[in-house]
Amino acid sequence: MALGTGYQMEDCAIARTLDVVGERWTLLIVSHLFFGLRRYSDIRKRIGISPAVLTQRLNGLVEEGVVARVPGLGAHDEYELTPKGERLWPVVSALAQWGNDNYLKPEYRQDFTHHQCGTTLDETGFCERCKIVPLARDVDRQPRPIDLQPEPSVRPESRPQRLLEPIRR
């Protein structure tokens, strides 16, 4: 039996959520919006997605109120997470930490720190020093050794990048 594209389970929060963000490209887009990419072309280059799929996914996220189109520098719109989208941070963080622990070599590992104190967050996003789970706006993404190597696509900064701060090239 093949799975359809919808879940038809209006009473299941997980099924409804997967209808919105359950497709692999969608969560990659959302994660890179957290990491500061806002321009269509930068997102496309960084994750290697086709223009048609990126347009479709962004339009769906805008329609669901997860992402907003905002005026950018120059003639092109940019994209940013709405408060509804920012509430996906625990999901993105948990996926990143799970992937770190199960699939990545040390140079690919993605670590996050609490901006206020610099403490590395644990696998649940908890800051042991401050005894809180900080909001995405209070989290820094640490540069990875692999990110510092030259590559043709958009690269993160060589310093910690505060989540949701736009990366400007």
N, C-alpha and C. Protein backbone atom coordinates (compact mmCIF):
# COMPACT_ATOMS: atom_id res chain seq x y z
N MET A 1 0.83 -1.18 0.00
CA MET A 1 0.00 0.00 0.00
C MET A 1 0.88 1.24 0.00
N ALA A 2 0.69 2.11 -0.94
CA ALA A 2 1.48 3.34 -1.03
C ALA A 2 0.90 4.41 -0.13
N LEU A 3 1.79 5.21 0.44
CA LEU A 3 1.34 6.33 1.27
C LEU A 3 0.91 7.48 0.37
N GLY A 4 -0.15 8.13 0.74
CA GLY A 4 -0.60 9.31 0.01
C GLY A 4 0.20 10.53 0.42
N THR A 5 -0.20 11.67 -0.08
CA THR A 5 0.51 12.89 0.25
C THR A 5 -0.06 13.59 1.47
N GLY A 6 -1.25 13.22 1.91
CA GLY A 6 -1.86 13.81 3.10
C GLY A 6 -2.18 12.71 4.09
N TYR A 7 -2.47 13.08 5.32
CA TYR A 7 -2.69 12.09 6.36
C TYR A 7 -4.16 11.94 6.75
N GLN A 8 -5.01 12.88 6.38
CA GLN A 8 -6.45 12.79 6.64
C GLN A 8 -6.76 12.45 8.08
N MET A 9 -5.98 13.00 9.00
CA MET A 9 -6.20 12.72 10.42
C MET A 9 -6.29 14.07 11.15
N GLU A 10 -7.43 14.72 11.04
CA GLU A 10 -7.60 16.04 11.62
C GLU A 10 -7.43 16.05 13.13
N ASP A 11 -7.60 14.90 13.78
CA ASP A 11 -7.50 14.84 15.23
C ASP A 11 -6.11 14.43 15.72
N CYS A 12 -5.13 14.38 14.83
CA CYS A 12 -3.77 13.98 15.20
C CYS A 12 -2.81 15.14 14.95
N ALA A 13 -2.26 15.69 16.03
CA ALA A 13 -1.36 16.84 15.92
C ALA A 13 -0.10 16.49 15.12
N ILE A 14 0.41 15.29 15.28
CA ILE A 14 1.63 14.90 14.55
C ILE A 14 1.34 14.82 13.06
N ALA A 15 0.23 14.23 12.68
CA ALA A 15 -0.13 14.13 11.27
C ALA A 15 -0.31 15.52 10.66
N ARG A 16 -0.98 16.43 11.35
CA ARG A 16 -1.19 17.79 10.83
C ARG A 16 0.15 18.51 10.69
N THR A 17 1.03 18.34 11.67
CA THR A 17 2.34 18.97 11.62
C THR A 17 3.15 18.43 10.44
N LEU A 18 3.10 17.12 10.24
CA LEU A 18 3.82 16.52 9.12
C LEU A 18 3.27 17.00 7.78
N ASP A 19 1.99 17.31 7.71
CA ASP A 19 1.42 17.89 6.49
C ASP A 19 2.11 19.19 6.13
N VAL A 20 2.55 19.94 7.14
CA VAL A 20 3.16 21.25 6.92
C VAL A 20 4.68 21.15 6.77
N VAL A 21 5.36 20.42 7.65
CA VAL A 21 6.83 20.42 7.67
C VAL A 21 7.46 19.04 7.53
N GLY A 22 6.68 18.05 7.19
CA GLY A 22 7.18 16.68 7.19
C GLY A 22 8.00 16.26 5.99
N GLU A 23 8.04 17.07 4.98
CA GLU A 23 8.81 16.75 3.78
C GLU A 23 10.26 17.20 4.01
N ARG A 24 11.22 16.42 3.59
CA ARG A 24 12.62 16.66 3.93
C ARG A 24 13.12 18.05 3.52
N TRP A 25 12.78 18.52 2.35
CA TRP A 25 13.26 19.83 1.92
C TRP A 25 12.72 20.93 2.83
N THR A 26 11.50 20.76 3.29
CA THR A 26 10.86 21.79 4.11
C THR A 26 11.63 22.02 5.41
N LEU A 27 11.99 20.97 6.11
CA LEU A 27 12.74 21.15 7.35
C LEU A 27 14.15 21.67 7.10
N LEU A 28 14.75 21.31 5.97
CA LEU A 28 16.06 21.88 5.64
C LEU A 28 15.95 23.38 5.39
N ILE A 29 14.90 23.80 4.71
CA ILE A 29 14.67 25.23 4.48
C ILE A 29 14.49 25.94 5.82
N VAL A 30 13.63 25.39 6.66
CA VAL A 30 13.39 26.00 7.97
C VAL A 30 14.68 26.08 8.77
N SER A 31 15.48 25.03 8.77
CA SER A 31 16.73 25.05 9.53
C SER A 31 17.67 26.14 9.03
N HIS A 32 17.74 26.32 7.73
CA HIS A 32 18.63 27.35 7.20
C HIS A 32 18.09 28.76 7.41
N LEU A 33 16.80 28.90 7.55
CA LEU A 33 16.25 30.19 7.97
C LEU A 33 16.68 30.49 9.41
N PHE A 34 16.67 29.48 10.27
CA PHE A 34 17.18 29.67 11.63
C PHE A 34 18.65 30.07 11.58
N PHE A 35 19.40 29.49 10.65
CA PHE A 35 20.84 29.73 10.58
C PHE A 35 21.19 31.04 9.88
N GLY A 36 20.19 31.82 9.47
CA GLY A 36 20.46 33.16 8.97
C GLY A 36 20.33 33.36 7.47
N LEU A 37 20.11 32.30 6.71
CA LEU A 37 19.90 32.50 5.28
C LEU A 37 18.50 33.05 5.07
N ARG A 38 18.38 34.07 4.23
CA ARG A 38 17.07 34.69 3.99
C ARG A 38 16.77 34.83 2.51
N ARG A 39 17.79 34.86 1.70
CA ARG A 39 17.60 35.06 0.27
C ARG A 39 17.34 33.73 -0.43
N TYR A 40 16.42 33.77 -1.35
CA TYR A 40 16.05 32.60 -2.14
C TYR A 40 17.29 31.95 -2.74
N SER A 41 18.13 32.76 -3.39
CA SER A 41 19.30 32.22 -4.08
C SER A 41 20.30 31.58 -3.11
N ASP A 42 20.45 32.16 -1.93
CA ASP A 42 21.37 31.59 -0.94
C ASP A 42 20.85 30.26 -0.40
N ILE A 43 19.56 30.19 -0.14
CA ILE A 43 18.97 28.93 0.34
C ILE A 43 19.14 27.87 -0.73
N ARG A 44 18.84 28.23 -1.95
CA ARG A 44 18.93 27.28 -3.07
C ARG A 44 20.35 26.74 -3.23
N LYS A 45 21.34 27.61 -3.19
CA LYS A 45 22.73 27.19 -3.34
C LYS A 45 23.17 26.31 -2.17
N ARG A 46 22.81 26.72 -0.98
CA ARG A 46 23.30 26.02 0.21
C ARG A 46 22.76 24.60 0.33
N ILE A 47 21.48 24.40 0.02
CA ILE A 47 20.94 23.05 0.21
C ILE A 47 20.80 22.26 -1.08
N GLY A 48 21.07 22.90 -2.22
CA GLY A 48 21.07 22.17 -3.49
C GLY A 48 19.69 21.73 -3.96
N ILE A 49 18.73 22.58 -3.79
CA ILE A 49 17.34 22.28 -4.13
C ILE A 49 16.99 22.90 -5.48
N SER A 50 16.12 22.28 -6.20
CA SER A 50 15.70 22.83 -7.50
C SER A 50 14.85 24.08 -7.27
N PRO A 51 14.87 25.02 -8.21
CA PRO A 51 14.05 26.23 -8.07
C PRO A 51 12.56 25.92 -7.91
N ALA A 52 12.06 24.97 -8.66
CA ALA A 52 10.62 24.65 -8.59
C ALA A 52 10.24 24.13 -7.21
N VAL A 53 11.06 23.24 -6.66
CA VAL A 53 10.75 22.67 -5.34
C VAL A 53 10.89 23.74 -4.26
N LEU A 54 11.94 24.55 -4.34
CA LEU A 54 12.12 25.61 -3.34
C LEU A 54 10.95 26.59 -3.36
N THR A 55 10.54 26.99 -4.54
CA THR A 55 9.41 27.92 -4.67
C THR A 55 8.15 27.30 -4.07
N GLN A 56 7.90 26.05 -4.39
CA GLN A 56 6.72 25.36 -3.86
C GLN A 56 6.76 25.27 -2.34
N ARG A 57 7.89 24.89 -1.79
CA ARG A 57 8.01 24.73 -0.33
C ARG A 57 7.89 26.08 0.37
N LEU A 58 8.56 27.11 -0.14
CA LEU A 58 8.46 28.43 0.48
C LEU A 58 7.03 28.96 0.42
N ASN A 59 6.38 28.80 -0.73
CA ASN A 59 5.00 29.25 -0.84
C ASN A 59 4.10 28.54 0.17
N GLY A 60 4.31 27.24 0.35
CA GLY A 60 3.53 26.48 1.32
C GLY A 60 3.78 26.97 2.74
N LEU A 61 5.04 27.25 3.07
CA LEU A 61 5.36 27.75 4.41
C LEU A 61 4.78 29.14 4.65
N VAL A 62 4.78 29.97 3.61
CA VAL A 62 4.16 31.30 3.72
C VAL A 62 2.66 31.15 3.92
N GLU A 63 2.04 30.29 3.13
CA GLU A 63 0.60 30.06 3.23
C GLU A 63 0.20 29.56 4.62
N GLU A 64 1.03 28.74 5.24
CA GLU A 64 0.75 28.20 6.57
C GLU A 64 1.12 29.17 7.69
N GLY A 65 1.74 30.30 7.36
CA GLY A 65 2.12 31.28 8.38
C GLY A 65 3.37 30.91 9.15
N VAL A 66 4.18 30.01 8.61
CA VAL A 66 5.43 29.60 9.24
C VAL A 66 6.56 30.54 8.84
N VAL A 67 6.48 31.05 7.62
CA VAL A 67 7.49 31.93 7.03
C VAL A 67 6.77 33.15 6.47
N ALA A 68 7.47 34.29 6.51
CA ALA A 68 6.93 35.52 5.92
C ALA A 68 7.89 36.00 4.83
N ARG A 69 7.32 36.52 3.75
CA ARG A 69 8.09 37.22 2.73
C ARG A 69 8.26 38.65 3.21
N VAL A 70 9.48 39.13 3.20
CA VAL A 70 9.76 40.49 3.66
C VAL A 70 10.60 41.21 2.61
N PRO A 71 10.50 42.54 2.54
CA PRO A 71 11.34 43.26 1.59
C PRO A 71 12.82 43.04 1.92
N GLY A 72 13.59 42.75 0.90
CA GLY A 72 15.01 42.53 1.10
C GLY A 72 15.81 43.71 0.59
N LEU A 73 17.10 43.56 0.67
CA LEU A 73 17.98 44.57 0.09
C LEU A 73 17.91 44.44 -1.42
N GLY A 74 17.70 45.52 -2.11
CA GLY A 74 17.56 45.45 -3.55
C GLY A 74 16.13 45.13 -3.93
N ALA A 75 15.97 44.51 -5.08
CA ALA A 75 14.63 44.29 -5.63
C ALA A 75 13.99 42.97 -5.20
N HIS A 76 14.72 42.13 -4.51
CA HIS A 76 14.20 40.79 -4.21
C HIS A 76 13.68 40.68 -2.78
N ASP A 77 12.58 39.95 -2.63
CA ASP A 77 12.07 39.65 -1.31
C ASP A 77 13.00 38.66 -0.62
N GLU A 78 12.90 38.64 0.69
CA GLU A 78 13.61 37.65 1.49
C GLU A 78 12.58 36.91 2.32
N TYR A 79 13.03 35.91 3.03
CA TYR A 79 12.15 35.08 3.83
C TYR A 79 12.66 35.05 5.27
N GLU A 80 11.71 35.09 6.21
CA GLU A 80 12.08 34.96 7.62
C GLU A 80 11.00 34.17 8.34
N LEU A 81 11.42 33.53 9.41
CA LEU A 81 10.47 32.76 10.20
C LEU A 81 9.55 33.70 10.96
N THR A 82 8.30 33.34 11.03
CA THR A 82 7.32 34.05 11.84
C THR A 82 7.44 33.51 13.27
N PRO A 83 6.75 34.12 14.23
CA PRO A 83 6.74 33.52 15.58
C PRO A 83 6.29 32.05 15.57
N LYS A 84 5.32 31.73 14.71
CA LYS A 84 4.88 30.34 14.57
C LYS A 84 6.04 29.46 14.09
N GLY A 85 6.81 29.95 13.13
CA GLY A 85 7.96 29.22 12.62
C GLY A 85 9.06 29.09 13.65
N GLU A 86 9.28 30.15 14.43
CA GLU A 86 10.32 30.10 15.46
C GLU A 86 10.03 29.02 16.50
N ARG A 87 8.77 28.69 16.68
CA ARG A 87 8.41 27.64 17.64
C ARG A 87 8.84 26.25 17.16
N LEU A 88 9.33 26.15 15.94
CA LEU A 88 9.88 24.89 15.44
C LEU A 88 11.32 24.66 15.90
N TRP A 89 11.93 25.63 16.57
CA TRP A 89 13.32 25.49 16.98
C TRP A 89 13.60 24.21 17.77
N PRO A 90 12.79 23.83 18.75
CA PRO A 90 13.09 22.59 19.47
C PRO A 90 13.15 21.37 18.54
N VAL A 91 12.32 21.36 17.51
CA VAL A 91 12.31 20.25 16.55
C VAL A 91 13.61 20.24 15.75
N VAL A 92 14.00 21.39 15.22
CA VAL A 92 15.23 21.49 14.41
C VAL A 92 16.44 21.18 15.28
N SER A 93 16.48 21.72 16.48
CA SER A 93 17.60 21.47 17.40
C SER A 93 17.71 19.99 17.72
N ALA A 94 16.58 19.36 18.04
CA ALA A 94 16.60 17.93 18.38
C ALA A 94 17.08 17.09 17.20
N LEU A 95 16.63 17.41 15.99
CA LEU A 95 17.09 16.67 14.81
C LEU A 95 18.59 16.85 14.60
N ALA A 96 19.08 18.08 14.79
CA ALA A 96 20.52 18.34 14.62
C ALA A 96 21.33 17.55 15.65
N GLN A 97 20.90 17.57 16.89
CA GLN A 97 21.64 16.86 17.93
C GLN A 97 21.58 15.34 17.73
N TRP A 98 20.43 14.83 17.32
CA TRP A 98 20.31 13.40 17.05
C TRP A 98 21.22 13.01 15.90
N GLY A 99 21.25 13.82 14.86
CA GLY A 99 22.15 13.56 13.74
C GLY A 99 23.61 13.64 14.14
N ASN A 100 23.96 14.62 14.99
CA ASN A 100 25.33 14.71 15.50
C ASN A 100 25.74 13.40 16.17
N ASP A 101 24.87 12.91 17.04
CA ASP A 101 25.19 11.73 17.83
C ASP A 101 25.21 10.43 17.03
N ASN A 102 24.44 10.37 15.97
CA ASN A 102 24.28 9.10 15.27
C ASN A 102 24.92 9.01 13.89
N TYR A 103 25.24 10.14 13.27
CA TYR A 103 25.67 10.06 11.87
C TYR A 103 26.90 10.88 11.50
N LEU A 104 27.29 11.84 12.28
CA LEU A 104 28.31 12.77 11.81
C LEU A 104 29.68 12.56 12.42
N LYS A 105 30.69 12.81 11.58
CA LYS A 105 32.06 12.86 12.05
C LYS A 105 32.22 14.17 12.84
N PRO A 106 33.23 14.23 13.70
CA PRO A 106 33.40 15.44 14.53
C PRO A 106 33.46 16.75 13.73
N GLU A 107 34.08 16.74 12.58
CA GLU A 107 34.20 17.99 11.81
C GLU A 107 32.88 18.45 11.19
N TYR A 108 31.91 17.57 11.15
CA TYR A 108 30.59 17.92 10.62
C TYR A 108 29.59 18.25 11.74
N ARG A 109 29.95 17.98 12.96
CA ARG A 109 29.06 18.16 14.10
C ARG A 109 28.59 19.61 14.19
N GLN A 110 27.30 19.81 14.48
CA GLN A 110 26.74 21.15 14.65
C GLN A 110 26.41 21.37 16.11
N ASP A 111 27.13 22.28 16.75
CA ASP A 111 26.89 22.57 18.16
C ASP A 111 26.22 23.94 18.30
N PHE A 112 25.44 24.06 19.36
CA PHE A 112 24.74 25.30 19.68
C PHE A 112 25.09 25.69 21.10
N THR A 113 25.25 26.99 21.32
CA THR A 113 25.56 27.50 22.65
C THR A 113 24.54 28.56 23.06
N HIS A 114 24.41 28.73 24.36
CA HIS A 114 23.55 29.77 24.90
C HIS A 114 24.29 31.09 24.75
N HIS A 115 23.69 32.03 24.04
CA HIS A 115 24.34 33.31 23.74
C HIS A 115 24.73 34.05 25.02
N GLN A 116 23.89 33.99 26.02
CA GLN A 116 24.12 34.75 27.25
C GLN A 116 25.37 34.31 28.00
N CYS A 117 25.63 33.00 28.06
CA CYS A 117 26.74 32.52 28.89
C CYS A 117 27.80 31.74 28.13
N GLY A 118 27.50 31.34 26.87
CA GLY A 118 28.48 30.60 26.07
C GLY A 118 28.51 29.10 26.33
N THR A 119 27.61 28.59 27.16
CA THR A 119 27.58 27.17 27.47
C THR A 119 27.00 26.38 26.31
N THR A 120 27.64 25.26 25.97
CA THR A 120 27.11 24.38 24.94
C THR A 120 25.82 23.75 25.44
N LEU A 121 24.80 23.80 24.59
CA LEU A 121 23.50 23.22 24.95
C LEU A 121 23.57 21.70 24.83
N ASP A 122 22.86 21.02 25.70
CA ASP A 122 22.85 19.56 25.63
C ASP A 122 21.91 19.10 24.52
N GLU A 123 21.75 17.78 24.40
CA GLU A 123 20.96 17.22 23.30
C GLU A 123 19.49 17.62 23.35
N THR A 124 19.02 18.13 24.48
CA THR A 124 17.63 18.60 24.58
C THR A 124 17.52 20.11 24.44
N GLY A 125 18.66 20.79 24.21
CA GLY A 125 18.65 22.25 24.09
C GLY A 125 18.76 22.96 25.43
N PHE A 126 19.08 22.23 26.50
CA PHE A 126 19.15 22.77 27.85
C PHE A 126 20.51 23.38 28.13
N CYS A 127 20.53 24.55 28.76
CA CYS A 127 21.77 25.19 29.21
C CYS A 127 21.98 24.83 30.67
N GLU A 128 22.97 24.03 30.92
CA GLU A 128 23.24 23.55 32.28
C GLU A 128 23.59 24.71 33.22
N ARG A 129 24.30 25.68 32.74
CA ARG A 129 24.72 26.80 33.60
C ARG A 129 23.53 27.65 34.04
N CYS A 130 22.65 28.01 33.10
CA CYS A 130 21.53 28.90 33.41
C CYS A 130 20.26 28.16 33.80
N LYS A 131 20.27 26.84 33.62
CA LYS A 131 19.12 25.99 33.97
C LYS A 131 17.85 26.36 33.19
N ILE A 132 18.03 26.64 31.89
CA ILE A 132 16.89 26.95 31.02
C ILE A 132 17.10 26.33 29.65
N VAL A 133 16.03 26.26 28.88
CA VAL A 133 16.10 25.95 27.46
C VAL A 133 15.88 27.28 26.75
N PRO A 134 16.95 27.89 26.23
CA PRO A 134 16.79 29.21 25.63
C PRO A 134 15.98 29.19 24.33
N LEU A 135 15.30 30.29 24.06
CA LEU A 135 14.63 30.47 22.78
C LEU A 135 15.67 30.53 21.67
N ALA A 136 15.24 30.29 20.45
CA ALA A 136 16.16 30.31 19.31
C ALA A 136 16.94 31.62 19.24
N ARG A 137 16.30 32.75 19.53
CA ARG A 137 16.96 34.06 19.46
C ARG A 137 18.12 34.19 20.45
N ASP A 138 18.17 33.29 21.42
CA ASP A 138 19.23 33.33 22.44
C ASP A 138 20.23 32.20 22.26
N VAL A 139 20.30 31.66 21.04
CA VAL A 139 21.20 30.54 20.74
C VAL A 139 22.18 30.95 19.65
N ASP A 140 23.42 30.55 19.82
CA ASP A 140 24.46 30.75 18.80
C ASP A 140 24.77 29.42 18.14
N ARG A 141 24.91 29.46 16.84
CA ARG A 141 25.36 28.30 16.06
C ARG A 141 26.87 28.41 15.94
N GLN A 142 27.56 27.40 16.40
CA GLN A 142 29.02 27.41 16.35
C GLN A 142 29.51 27.01 14.97
N PRO A 143 30.55 27.69 14.48
CA PRO A 143 31.10 27.28 13.17
C PRO A 143 31.71 25.89 13.28
N ARG A 144 31.58 25.12 12.23
CA ARG A 144 32.15 23.79 12.19
C ARG A 144 33.44 23.86 11.37
N PRO A 145 34.44 23.04 11.67
CA PRO A 145 35.66 23.06 10.86
C PRO A 145 35.37 22.90 9.36
N ILE A 146 34.40 22.07 9.02
CA ILE A 146 34.07 21.85 7.62
C ILE A 146 33.50 23.10 6.97
N ASP A 147 32.81 23.95 7.75
CA ASP A 147 32.24 25.19 7.21
C ASP A 147 33.30 26.21 6.84
N LEU A 148 34.47 26.08 7.43
CA LEU A 148 35.51 27.07 7.22
C LEU A 148 36.34 26.79 5.97
N GLN A 149 36.11 25.66 5.32
CA GLN A 149 36.82 25.33 4.10
C GLN A 149 36.16 26.02 2.92
N PRO A 150 36.96 26.44 1.92
CA PRO A 150 36.36 27.11 0.76
C PRO A 150 35.40 26.19 0.02
N GLU A 151 34.28 26.75 -0.40
CA GLU A 151 33.31 26.03 -1.21
C GLU A 151 32.52 27.06 -2.01
N PRO A 152 31.92 26.65 -3.10
CA PRO A 152 31.23 27.60 -3.95
C PRO A 152 29.93 28.15 -3.39
N SER A 153 29.30 27.43 -2.47
CA SER A 153 28.01 27.90 -1.96
C SER A 153 28.20 28.84 -0.77
N VAL A 154 27.13 29.31 -0.24
CA VAL A 154 27.16 30.24 0.88
C VAL A 154 27.71 29.52 2.11
N ARG A 155 28.68 30.16 2.76
CA ARG A 155 29.29 29.57 3.95
C ARG A 155 28.91 30.37 5.18
N PRO A 156 28.76 29.69 6.32
CA PRO A 156 28.54 30.40 7.57
C PRO A 156 29.78 31.20 7.95
N GLU A 157 29.62 32.09 8.88
CA GLU A 157 30.73 32.90 9.39
C GLU A 157 31.75 32.03 10.09
N SER A 158 32.95 32.57 10.31
CA SER A 158 33.98 31.85 11.05
C SER A 158 33.84 32.11 12.55
N ARG A 159 32.84 32.89 12.92
CA ARG A 159 32.54 33.14 14.33
C ARG A 159 31.15 32.59 14.62
N PRO A 160 30.80 32.45 15.90
CA PRO A 160 29.43 31.98 16.18
C PRO A 160 28.40 32.89 15.52
N GLN A 161 27.34 32.30 15.03
CA GLN A 161 26.26 33.04 14.36
C GLN A 161 25.01 32.93 15.21
N ARG A 162 24.49 34.06 15.62
CA ARG A 162 23.25 34.05 16.40
C ARG A 162 22.13 33.57 15.51
N LEU A 163 21.33 32.64 15.99
CA LEU A 163 20.22 32.15 15.21
C LEU A 163 19.27 33.31 14.87
N LEU A 164 18.69 33.23 13.69
CA LEU A 164 17.73 34.19 13.15
C LEU A 164 18.35 35.51 12.72
N GLU A 165 19.66 35.73 12.95
CA GLU A 165 20.32 36.93 12.43
C GLU A 165 20.64 36.70 10.97
N PRO A 166 20.23 37.61 10.09
CA PRO A 166 20.51 37.41 8.66
C PRO A 166 22.01 37.37 8.37
N ILE A 167 22.39 36.46 7.52
CA ILE A 167 23.77 36.41 7.02
C ILE A 167 23.81 37.31 5.80
N ARG A 168 24.64 38.31 5.82
CA ARG A 168 24.78 39.24 4.70
C ARG A 168 26.12 39.03 4.03
N ARG A 169 26.09 38.88 2.74
CA ARG A 169 27.34 38.71 1.97
C ARG A 169 27.64 39.97 1.22
